[in-house]
């Protein structure tokens, strides 16, 4: 199945999960550096893609909202 998706340049779930993980890590770095506007821009980008972020003292959790 992944080969089929790769043929059409559609990322598989694992690839898009890794991309979201990287964006969340970058957002966390920006927040730690107090660059809130840039961190908010990443949150907005992820929200547009249907990703919900939840910040806690243990770190940021994320999940993809189901599409219908």
C-alpha atoms as a PDB file:
ATOM      1  CA  UNK A   1       0.000   0.000   0.000  1.00  0.00           C
ATOM      2  CA  UNK A   2       2.795   2.439   0.872  1.00  0.00           C
ATOM      3  CA  UNK A   3       4.377   1.740  -2.506  1.00  0.00           C
ATOM      4  CA  UNK A   4       1.125   2.734  -4.171  1.00  0.00           C
ATOM      5  CA  UNK A   5       0.926   5.936  -2.145  1.00  0.00           C
ATOM      6  CA  UNK A   6       4.587   6.677  -2.835  1.00  0.00           C
ATOM      7  CA  UNK A   7       3.911   6.359  -6.548  1.00  0.00           C
ATOM      8  CA  UNK A   8       1.400   9.182  -6.346  1.00  0.00           C
ATOM      9  CA  UNK A   9       3.440  11.269  -3.862  1.00  0.00           C
ATOM     10  CA  UNK A  10       0.838  10.797  -1.127  1.00  0.00           C
ATOM     11  CA  UNK A  11       2.603  10.385   2.215  1.00  0.00           C
ATOM     12  CA  UNK A  12       1.694   7.306   4.224  1.00  0.00           C
ATOM     13  CA  UNK A  13       0.486   7.629   7.808  1.00  0.00           C
ATOM     14  CA  UNK A  14       3.924   6.920   9.283  1.00  0.00           C
ATOM     15  CA  UNK A  15       5.534   9.613   7.123  1.00  0.00           C
ATOM     16  CA  UNK A  16       2.955  12.232   8.011  1.00  0.00           C
ATOM     17  CA  UNK A  17       3.177  11.263  11.715  1.00  0.00           C
ATOM     18  CA  UNK A  18       6.933  11.845  11.555  1.00  0.00           C
ATOM     19  CA  UNK A  19       6.389  15.219   9.872  1.00  0.00           C
ATOM     20  CA  UNK A  20       3.893  16.257  12.569  1.00  0.00           C
ATOM     21  CA  UNK A  21       6.296  15.078  15.292  1.00  0.00           C
ATOM     22  CA  UNK A  22       9.038  17.285  13.813  1.00  0.00           C
ATOM     23  CA  UNK A  23       6.751  20.319  13.658  1.00  0.00           C
ATOM     24  CA  UNK A  24       5.646  19.756  17.261  1.00  0.00           C
ATOM     25  CA  UNK A  25       9.296  19.525  18.373  1.00  0.00           C
ATOM     26  CA  UNK A  26      10.130  22.724  16.496  1.00  0.00           C
ATOM     27  CA  UNK A  27       7.129  24.447  18.091  1.00  0.00           C
ATOM     28  CA  UNK A  28       8.317  23.314  21.534  1.00  0.00           C
ATOM     29  CA  UNK A  29      11.805  24.730  20.819  1.00  0.00           C
ATOM     30  CA  UNK A  30      10.300  28.035  19.706  1.00  0.00           C
ATOM     31  CA  UNK A  31       8.110  28.241  22.807  1.00  0.00           C
ATOM     32  CA  UNK A  32      11.140  27.570  25.022  1.00  0.00           C
ATOM     33  CA  UNK A  33      12.949  30.399  23.219  1.00  0.00           C
ATOM     34  CA  UNK A  34       9.884  32.584  23.854  1.00  0.00           C
ATOM     35  CA  UNK A  35       9.266  33.025  20.116  1.00  0.00           C
ATOM     36  CA  UNK A  36       5.541  32.747  20.549  1.00  0.00           C
ATOM     37  CA  UNK A  37       4.452  34.197  17.202  1.00  0.00           C
ATOM     38  CA  UNK A  38       6.447  31.559  15.307  1.00  0.00           C
ATOM     39  CA  UNK A  39       5.196  28.789  17.626  1.00  0.00           C
ATOM     40  CA  UNK A  40       1.614  29.954  17.121  1.00  0.00           C
ATOM     41  CA  UNK A  41       2.117  29.891  13.341  1.00  0.00           C
ATOM     42  CA  UNK A  42       3.096  26.206  13.554  1.00  0.00           C
ATOM     43  CA  UNK A  43       0.062  25.482  15.748  1.00  0.00           C
ATOM     44  CA  UNK A  44      -2.163  27.232  13.192  1.00  0.00           C
ATOM     45  CA  UNK A  45      -0.606  25.234  10.342  1.00  0.00           C
ATOM     46  CA  UNK A  46      -1.206  21.964  12.181  1.00  0.00           C
ATOM     47  CA  UNK A  47      -4.765  22.964  13.106  1.00  0.00           C
ATOM     48  CA  UNK A  48      -5.509  23.580   9.416  1.00  0.00           C
ATOM     49  CA  UNK A  49      -4.342  20.011   8.770  1.00  0.00           C
ATOM     50  CA  UNK A  50      -6.748  18.662  11.408  1.00  0.00           C
ATOM     51  CA  UNK A  51      -4.102  18.140  14.097  1.00  0.00           C
ATOM     52  CA  UNK A  52      -4.992  19.005  17.692  1.00  0.00           C
ATOM     53  CA  UNK A  53      -2.232  19.934  20.158  1.00  0.00           C
ATOM     54  CA  UNK A  54      -2.454  19.679  23.926  1.00  0.00           C
ATOM     55  CA  UNK A  55       0.309  21.217  26.033  1.00  0.00           C
ATOM     56  CA  UNK A  56       1.060  19.862  29.502  1.00  0.00           C
ATOM     57  CA  UNK A  57       3.970  19.881  31.949  1.00  0.00           C
ATOM     58  CA  UNK A  58       4.977  16.479  30.531  1.00  0.00           C
ATOM     59  CA  UNK A  59       5.164  17.855  26.983  1.00  0.00           C
ATOM     60  CA  UNK A  60       2.944  18.337  23.977  1.00  0.00           C
ATOM     61  CA  UNK A  61       0.495  15.625  22.904  1.00  0.00           C
ATOM     62  CA  UNK A  62      -1.064  15.655  19.476  1.00  0.00           C
ATOM     63  CA  UNK A  63      -3.652  13.718  17.561  1.00  0.00           C
ATOM     64  CA  UNK A  64      -5.250  13.818  14.157  1.00  0.00           C
ATOM     65  CA  UNK A  65      -8.951  14.519  14.084  1.00  0.00           C
ATOM     66  CA  UNK A  66     -10.868  11.849  12.164  1.00  0.00           C
ATOM     67  CA  UNK A  67     -12.094  12.933   8.751  1.00  0.00           C
ATOM     68  CA  UNK A  68     -15.500  11.990   7.454  1.00  0.00           C
END
